[in-house]
Amino acid sequence: MTTVRNLRIAGPTPLPPEVLRALQRPMVPHRGAWFRGLVKALLGRLRLLHRTDGEVFVLPGSGSAGWEIAIVNLLRPGDRVLMLVNGDFGERWSRVSERFGLDLAVREVPYGSAITADRVARWLDEVSGVRAVFVVYNETSTGVTNALAEIAAAVRASGALLAVDGVSAIAGLPFEMDAWGIDLVFSGSQKAWMCPPGLVIVGVGPRAWDAIDAAGFPRAFWDLREYRAAARTGDLPSTAPISLLYALEAAVDLIEAEGLENVWERHRQLAAWFRAAVQELGFRCFAEAGHESATVTALVPPFGVAADRLVTRLEERHGIAINGGQGRLKGKIVRVGHMGWVHRGDLEEVVAAFATEIGQEM
């Protein structure tokens, strides 16, 4: 079996050399003055990358921890939540919400379709007493980017809080936390942040703090009030994941050097080129036109080409790792990640491998 040399899954993503070097730095006292200074500075830089004057925290955990973080910090048992679903990750957030006893109103659009502001406004009119709206900005399972800015405006007009799963979006797609009025957003270090798995990055807007203070769920490790208090001195409530924070600092250096808007534009251009190239081979983009993701592309293979077999052959014969479908889409699509540390040559290899395999299948 060929060793994977081109990691094109939707996460974890490849690590730049600078991030790999940062991971090799020695341990230091996590309550020492030097490391506290690093953390305080890093949190300030993350605020700028989230386009917010609010708070941004880094917690040990995966991106999926964000679902629970949002629930226990914003809500009380029995609160009504409008859950917007257009993919597997929205479904998974729904299941987590059910376990916490929320009064869940699920509104779903077909997989591959986008959630739009007019739909959200209509649903908010239909469902009374909505305390919060949950939405996945970029649905990794379908390659669809939802119209978050417009959705946020509709939610804001209703008076509800908006919590956003930005796991495969933040640092790769345009995001304006304050200008759009986002109350809470979370992302994972292993996606466009170009770091190993293990950190969940949480942005908290000013409206969220009243809800956080009044939330009715038991909280301990995920209590954002504890992270706010600790952040004032550059601490975390528990032992800091020192090496991962070194890595995140190095990744932030790279993003700042390139320029955040330039990072967004690089992702947009690479995704557009890749979609055009694979469509010439007979693939069909699964995402609704105009809502295709710039960080992960979901594709329906040409007729007669089995999606799962294509995934296997790219890895075994070409050393390229891509994703198949998940949940309802298992065996129906393939997904190619192009977020974080990615360049056109990486995607050209995928296109060439697709062409080879399709030629042998047809």
Protein backbone atom coordinates (compact mmCIF):
# COMPACT_ATOMS: atom_id res chain seq x y z
CA MET A 1 0.00 0.00 0.00
CA THR A 2 1.33 3.41 -0.98
CA THR A 3 2.14 5.81 1.85
CA VAL A 4 -0.10 8.87 1.83
CA ARG A 5 1.92 11.81 0.57
CA ASN A 6 -0.92 14.16 -0.43
CA LEU A 7 -3.42 14.56 2.40
CA ARG A 8 -6.57 15.90 0.80
CA ILE A 9 -9.15 14.86 3.34
CA ALA A 10 -11.36 17.44 5.03
CA GLY A 11 -9.21 17.31 8.15
CA PRO A 12 -6.83 16.83 9.74
CA THR A 13 -5.02 18.95 7.18
CA PRO A 14 -1.29 19.02 6.33
CA LEU A 15 1.02 20.87 8.71
CA PRO A 16 3.34 23.59 7.37
CA PRO A 17 7.03 23.16 8.23
CA GLU A 18 6.84 26.13 10.59
CA VAL A 19 4.08 24.44 12.57
CA LEU A 20 6.00 21.14 12.70
CA ARG A 21 9.04 22.98 14.04
CA ALA A 22 6.95 24.74 16.66
CA LEU A 23 5.69 21.38 17.93
CA GLN A 24 9.28 20.42 18.73
CA ARG A 25 9.84 23.30 21.12
CA PRO A 26 10.56 22.30 24.74
CA MET A 27 8.10 22.33 27.60
CA VAL A 28 8.00 25.38 29.85
CA PRO A 29 6.11 26.22 33.05
CA HIS A 30 2.52 26.73 31.91
CA ARG A 31 1.97 29.19 34.77
CA GLY A 32 5.22 31.01 34.12
CA ALA A 33 5.40 34.63 33.01
CA TRP A 34 6.82 33.87 29.57
CA PHE A 35 4.12 31.38 28.61
CA ARG A 36 1.38 33.58 30.04
CA GLY A 37 2.62 36.35 27.79
CA LEU A 38 2.46 34.04 24.78
CA VAL A 39 -1.12 33.04 25.54
CA LYS A 40 -2.33 36.60 26.13
CA ALA A 41 -0.79 37.78 22.88
CA LEU A 42 -2.15 34.78 20.96
CA LEU A 43 -5.71 35.36 22.19
CA GLY A 44 -5.48 38.98 21.08
CA ARG A 45 -4.32 37.94 17.62
CA LEU A 46 -7.15 35.40 17.38
CA ARG A 47 -9.65 38.16 18.11
CA LEU A 48 -8.36 40.05 15.08
CA LEU A 49 -8.64 36.94 12.90
CA HIS A 50 -12.24 36.48 14.05
CA ARG A 51 -12.90 40.17 13.32
CA THR A 52 -14.18 40.78 16.83
CA ASP A 53 -13.65 43.06 19.78
CA GLY A 54 -15.13 40.30 21.92
CA GLU A 55 -13.46 37.35 23.53
CA VAL A 56 -11.77 34.38 21.86
CA PHE A 57 -10.66 31.39 23.91
CA VAL A 58 -8.65 28.27 23.14
CA LEU A 59 -9.81 25.12 24.91
CA PRO A 60 -8.36 21.61 24.83
CA GLY A 61 -10.66 19.42 22.74
CA SER A 62 -11.85 18.70 19.22
CA GLY A 63 -14.14 20.86 17.12
CA SER A 64 -17.09 18.64 18.02
CA ALA A 65 -16.72 19.76 21.63
CA GLY A 66 -18.06 23.09 20.42
CA TRP A 67 -21.58 21.66 20.19
CA GLU A 68 -21.61 20.93 23.91
CA ILE A 69 -19.80 24.16 24.76
CA ALA A 70 -22.52 26.16 23.01
CA ILE A 71 -25.34 24.25 24.69
CA VAL A 72 -24.17 24.33 28.30
CA ASN A 73 -23.01 27.93 28.19
CA LEU A 74 -25.94 29.58 26.42
CA LEU A 75 -29.05 27.65 27.47
CA ARG A 76 -31.18 26.08 30.15
CA PRO A 77 -32.84 22.64 30.03
CA GLY A 78 -36.05 22.89 28.04
CA ASP A 79 -35.06 26.01 26.09
CA ARG A 80 -36.38 26.05 22.56
CA VAL A 81 -33.71 25.90 19.88
CA LEU A 82 -34.15 26.19 16.13
CA MET A 83 -31.73 23.66 14.67
CA LEU A 84 -30.84 24.27 11.02
CA VAL A 85 -29.75 21.10 9.21
CA ASN A 86 -28.40 20.51 5.72
CA GLY A 87 -25.83 17.83 6.36
CA ASP A 88 -24.43 15.20 8.68
CA PHE A 89 -22.78 17.63 11.08
CA GLY A 90 -26.02 19.49 11.60
CA GLU A 91 -27.67 16.14 12.35
CA ARG A 92 -24.96 15.30 14.86
CA TRP A 93 -25.37 18.63 16.63
CA SER A 94 -29.10 17.88 16.78
CA ARG A 95 -28.45 14.54 18.48
CA VAL A 96 -26.19 16.18 21.06
CA SER A 97 -28.86 18.81 21.72
CA GLU A 98 -31.50 16.13 22.28
CA ARG A 99 -29.32 14.48 24.92
CA PHE A 100 -29.31 17.73 26.88
CA GLY A 101 -33.08 17.93 26.88
CA LEU A 102 -33.49 21.01 24.73
CA ASP A 103 -36.84 21.71 23.08
CA LEU A 104 -35.55 21.19 19.57
CA ALA A 105 -37.29 22.47 16.45
CA VAL A 106 -35.37 20.94 13.56
CA ARG A 107 -35.71 22.50 10.13
CA GLU A 108 -33.94 20.70 7.32
CA VAL A 109 -33.26 21.31 3.65
CA PRO A 110 -32.14 18.56 1.26
CA TYR A 111 -28.50 17.58 1.43
CA GLY A 112 -26.60 19.60 -1.14
CA SER A 113 -28.90 22.59 -0.71
CA ALA A 114 -28.04 25.73 1.23
CA ILE A 115 -29.86 27.23 4.18
CA THR A 116 -30.95 30.73 3.21
CA ALA A 117 -32.05 33.75 5.20
CA ASP A 118 -35.59 33.80 3.84
CA ARG A 119 -36.13 30.23 5.00
CA VAL A 120 -34.72 31.05 8.43
CA ALA A 121 -36.93 34.11 8.77
CA ARG A 122 -39.98 32.02 7.87
CA TRP A 123 -39.07 29.29 10.34
CA LEU A 124 -38.56 31.85 13.09
CA ASP A 125 -42.05 33.16 12.42
CA GLU A 126 -43.46 29.62 12.56
CA VAL A 127 -41.69 28.51 15.74
CA SER A 128 -42.47 30.59 18.81
CA GLY A 129 -40.20 31.17 21.78
CA VAL A 130 -36.88 30.38 20.07
CA ARG A 131 -34.07 31.11 22.49
CA ALA A 132 -31.21 30.22 20.15
CA VAL A 133 -30.50 29.17 16.57
CA PHE A 134 -27.80 26.62 15.76
CA VAL A 135 -26.27 26.47 12.28
CA VAL A 136 -23.25 24.92 10.56
CA TYR A 137 -21.55 27.63 8.50
CA ASN A 138 -19.72 25.25 6.18
CA GLU A 139 -21.25 21.76 6.05
CA THR A 140 -18.23 19.52 5.64
CA SER A 141 -20.31 16.48 4.69
CA THR A 142 -21.88 18.12 1.62
CA GLY A 143 -19.44 20.83 0.58
CA VAL A 144 -22.10 23.53 1.06
CA THR A 145 -21.43 26.96 2.53
CA ASN A 146 -24.53 28.48 4.08
CA ALA A 147 -25.35 32.19 3.74
CA LEU A 148 -24.19 32.99 7.25
CA ALA A 149 -24.17 36.79 7.10
CA GLU A 150 -27.77 36.89 5.89
CA ILE A 151 -28.87 34.13 8.29
CA ALA A 152 -27.32 36.05 11.17
CA ALA A 153 -29.28 39.19 10.24
CA ALA A 154 -32.54 37.23 10.27
CA VAL A 155 -31.74 35.68 13.64
CA ARG A 156 -30.68 39.00 15.09
CA ALA A 157 -34.00 40.57 14.05
CA SER A 158 -35.86 37.85 15.97
CA GLY A 159 -33.96 38.48 19.19
CA ALA A 160 -32.63 34.91 19.38
CA LEU A 161 -29.00 34.02 19.97
CA LEU A 162 -26.95 32.54 17.12
CA ALA A 163 -24.38 29.80 17.69
CA VAL A 164 -22.25 28.75 14.71
CA ASP A 165 -20.30 25.60 13.96
CA GLY A 166 -17.40 27.10 12.03
CA VAL A 167 -15.16 24.05 12.22
CA SER A 168 -14.30 23.82 8.52
CA ALA A 169 -14.79 27.52 7.87
CA ILE A 170 -12.90 29.80 10.23
CA ALA A 171 -9.48 30.88 8.89
CA GLY A 172 -10.49 29.61 5.45
CA LEU A 173 -13.74 31.40 4.58
CA PRO A 174 -14.78 35.03 5.07
CA PHE A 175 -16.00 35.57 8.61
CA GLU A 176 -16.92 38.85 10.30
CA MET A 177 -18.00 38.06 13.84
CA ASP A 178 -18.93 41.55 14.98
CA ALA A 179 -20.21 42.91 11.69
CA TRP A 180 -22.47 39.89 11.19
CA GLY A 181 -23.64 39.76 14.80
CA ILE A 182 -22.50 36.23 15.72
CA ASP A 183 -22.99 35.38 19.39
CA LEU A 184 -20.83 32.25 19.62
CA VAL A 185 -18.66 30.44 17.08
CA PHE A 186 -16.30 27.51 17.40
CA SER A 187 -13.71 25.92 15.14
CA GLY A 188 -11.12 23.14 15.29
CA SER A 189 -7.36 23.47 15.10
CA GLN A 190 -7.07 20.61 12.58
CA LYS A 191 -8.84 22.38 9.73
CA ALA A 192 -7.95 25.74 8.13
CA TRP A 193 -5.89 26.65 11.21
CA MET A 194 -3.21 24.20 9.90
CA CYS A 195 -2.56 22.61 13.30
CA PRO A 196 -2.85 19.11 14.75
CA PRO A 197 -6.18 18.07 16.25
CA GLY A 198 -6.71 18.95 19.88
CA LEU A 199 -7.85 22.56 20.19
CA VAL A 200 -11.31 24.05 19.96
CA ILE A 201 -11.27 27.81 19.37
CA VAL A 202 -14.34 29.66 20.65
CA GLY A 203 -15.38 33.23 19.89
CA VAL A 204 -17.92 34.84 22.21
CA GLY A 205 -19.87 37.98 21.34
CA PRO A 206 -21.14 40.56 23.86
CA ARG A 207 -24.79 39.43 23.79
CA ALA A 208 -23.76 35.93 24.77
CA TRP A 209 -22.40 36.87 28.19
CA ASP A 210 -25.78 37.55 29.79
CA ALA A 211 -26.91 34.15 28.56
CA ILE A 212 -23.71 32.53 29.82
CA ASP A 213 -24.20 33.99 33.28
CA ALA A 214 -27.82 32.77 33.35
CA ALA A 215 -27.31 29.34 31.74
CA GLY A 216 -28.82 26.46 33.68
CA PHE A 217 -26.72 23.45 32.77
CA PRO A 218 -23.98 22.13 35.07
CA ARG A 219 -20.62 23.27 33.78
CA ALA A 220 -17.10 22.51 34.84
CA PHE A 221 -14.45 21.93 32.18
CA TRP A 222 -16.46 23.78 29.50
CA ASP A 223 -17.43 26.79 31.64
CA LEU A 224 -16.53 29.84 29.52
CA ARG A 225 -16.63 32.06 32.61
CA GLU A 226 -13.60 30.16 33.87
CA TYR A 227 -11.77 30.72 30.58
CA ARG A 228 -12.60 34.43 30.64
CA ALA A 229 -11.22 34.80 34.16
CA ALA A 230 -8.09 32.82 33.34
CA ALA A 231 -7.46 34.68 30.07
CA ARG A 232 -6.95 37.95 31.93
CA THR A 233 -3.60 36.62 33.16
CA GLY A 234 -2.78 34.48 30.11
CA ASP A 235 -3.85 31.26 31.80
CA LEU A 236 -6.16 28.37 31.05
CA PRO A 237 -8.25 26.89 33.86
CA SER A 238 -6.50 23.53 33.41
CA THR A 239 -3.01 22.57 32.27
CA ALA A 240 -2.38 24.26 28.95
CA PRO A 241 -1.75 22.07 25.86
CA ILE A 242 1.61 23.77 25.45
CA SER A 243 2.80 22.16 22.21
CA LEU A 244 -0.52 22.75 20.46
CA LEU A 245 -0.46 26.39 21.47
CA TYR A 246 3.06 26.69 20.07
CA ALA A 247 1.68 25.24 16.83
CA LEU A 248 -1.27 27.62 16.76
CA GLU A 249 1.03 30.59 17.32
CA ALA A 250 3.15 29.50 14.33
CA ALA A 251 0.03 29.05 12.19
CA VAL A 252 -1.23 32.50 13.14
CA ASP A 253 2.16 33.89 12.11
CA LEU A 254 1.64 32.37 8.66
CA ILE A 255 -1.91 33.66 8.30
CA GLU A 256 -0.91 37.16 9.33
CA ALA A 257 2.06 37.15 6.97
CA GLU A 258 -0.16 36.17 4.03
CA GLY A 259 -2.97 38.48 5.11
CA LEU A 260 -6.36 37.17 6.21
CA GLU A 261 -8.21 38.43 3.12
CA ASN A 262 -5.51 36.92 0.92
CA VAL A 263 -5.98 33.58 2.70
CA TRP A 264 -9.71 33.73 1.98
CA GLU A 265 -9.06 34.61 -1.66
CA ARG A 266 -6.49 31.81 -2.08
CA HIS A 267 -9.06 29.31 -0.85
CA ARG A 268 -11.71 30.74 -3.17
CA GLN A 269 -9.49 30.63 -6.24
CA LEU A 270 -8.18 27.11 -5.60
CA ALA A 271 -11.69 25.78 -5.05
CA ALA A 272 -13.00 27.41 -8.23
CA TRP A 273 -10.10 26.01 -10.28
CA PHE A 274 -10.54 22.54 -8.83
CA ARG A 275 -14.29 22.44 -9.45
CA ALA A 276 -13.80 23.47 -13.07
CA ALA A 277 -11.07 20.89 -13.60
CA VAL A 278 -12.98 17.93 -12.19
CA GLN A 279 -16.19 18.86 -13.95
CA GLU A 280 -14.32 18.49 -17.24
CA LEU A 281 -13.68 14.88 -16.19
CA GLY A 282 -17.39 14.25 -15.71
CA PHE A 283 -17.76 14.84 -11.99
CA ARG A 284 -20.76 16.80 -10.74
CA CYS A 285 -20.53 19.17 -7.79
CA PHE A 286 -22.90 18.00 -5.10
CA ALA A 287 -23.37 21.48 -3.61
CA GLU A 288 -26.03 23.85 -4.86
CA ALA A 289 -24.62 26.29 -7.42
CA GLY A 290 -23.48 29.50 -5.78
CA HIS A 291 -23.01 27.84 -2.38
CA GLU A 292 -20.01 25.60 -3.10
CA SER A 293 -17.50 25.52 -0.28
CA ALA A 294 -14.03 26.98 -0.72
CA THR A 295 -12.53 24.55 1.81
CA VAL A 296 -13.99 21.18 0.80
CA THR A 297 -15.55 20.03 -2.46
CA ALA A 298 -18.14 17.22 -2.55
CA LEU A 299 -18.38 15.43 -5.90
CA VAL A 300 -20.67 12.89 -7.53
CA PRO A 301 -18.41 10.66 -9.66
CA PRO A 302 -19.19 10.00 -13.33
CA PHE A 303 -21.70 7.28 -14.09
CA GLY A 304 -20.22 3.84 -13.60
CA VAL A 305 -17.46 5.00 -11.20
CA ALA A 306 -17.96 3.79 -7.63
CA ALA A 307 -17.24 6.50 -5.08
CA ASP A 308 -15.77 4.27 -2.37
CA ARG A 309 -13.58 2.37 -4.85
CA LEU A 310 -12.25 5.70 -6.15
CA VAL A 311 -11.28 6.72 -2.61
CA THR A 312 -9.45 3.44 -2.09
CA ARG A 313 -7.61 3.53 -5.41
CA LEU A 314 -6.41 7.11 -4.98
CA GLU A 315 -4.75 6.12 -1.73
CA GLU A 316 -3.39 2.74 -2.77
CA ARG A 317 -2.19 3.69 -6.26
CA HIS A 318 -1.40 7.39 -5.96
CA GLY A 319 -0.72 8.10 -2.29
CA ILE A 320 -3.58 10.62 -2.18
CA ALA A 321 -6.08 10.51 0.68
CA ILE A 322 -9.57 11.89 0.06
CA ASN A 323 -12.88 11.30 1.86
CA GLY A 324 -15.92 9.35 0.83
CA GLY A 325 -19.41 10.33 1.84
CA GLN A 326 -20.66 10.02 5.39
CA GLY A 327 -24.05 9.38 6.89
CA ARG A 328 -26.74 9.38 4.22
CA LEU A 329 -24.14 10.05 1.53
CA LYS A 330 -21.90 7.06 2.21
CA GLY A 331 -20.96 5.44 -1.09
CA LYS A 332 -22.52 8.24 -3.13
CA ILE A 333 -19.95 11.04 -3.20
CA VAL A 334 -16.27 11.76 -2.70
CA ARG A 335 -14.95 14.79 -0.83
CA VAL A 336 -11.68 16.59 -1.40
CA GLY A 337 -10.32 18.98 1.21
CA HIS A 338 -8.46 22.09 0.14
CA MET A 339 -8.09 24.15 3.29
CA GLY A 340 -5.20 25.51 5.28
CA TRP A 341 -1.73 24.77 3.91
CA VAL A 342 -2.75 23.93 0.34
CA HIS A 343 -1.46 24.94 -3.08
CA ARG A 344 -2.52 24.38 -6.67
CA GLY A 345 0.01 21.62 -7.23
CA ASP A 346 -1.64 19.56 -4.49
CA LEU A 347 -4.96 19.73 -6.34
CA GLU A 348 -3.41 19.16 -9.77
CA GLU A 349 -2.21 15.79 -8.47
CA VAL A 350 -5.76 14.91 -7.44
CA VAL A 351 -7.13 15.86 -10.87
CA ALA A 352 -4.48 13.78 -12.61
CA ALA A 353 -5.21 10.78 -10.39
CA PHE A 354 -8.94 11.12 -11.02
CA ALA A 355 -8.31 11.19 -14.77
CA THR A 356 -6.20 8.05 -14.59
CA GLU A 357 -8.69 6.09 -12.51
CA ILE A 358 -11.73 7.20 -14.48
CA GLY A 359 -9.99 6.23 -17.70
CA GLN A 360 -9.54 2.71 -16.37
CA GLU A 361 -13.11 2.49 -15.10
CA MET A 362 -14.91 3.73 -18.21
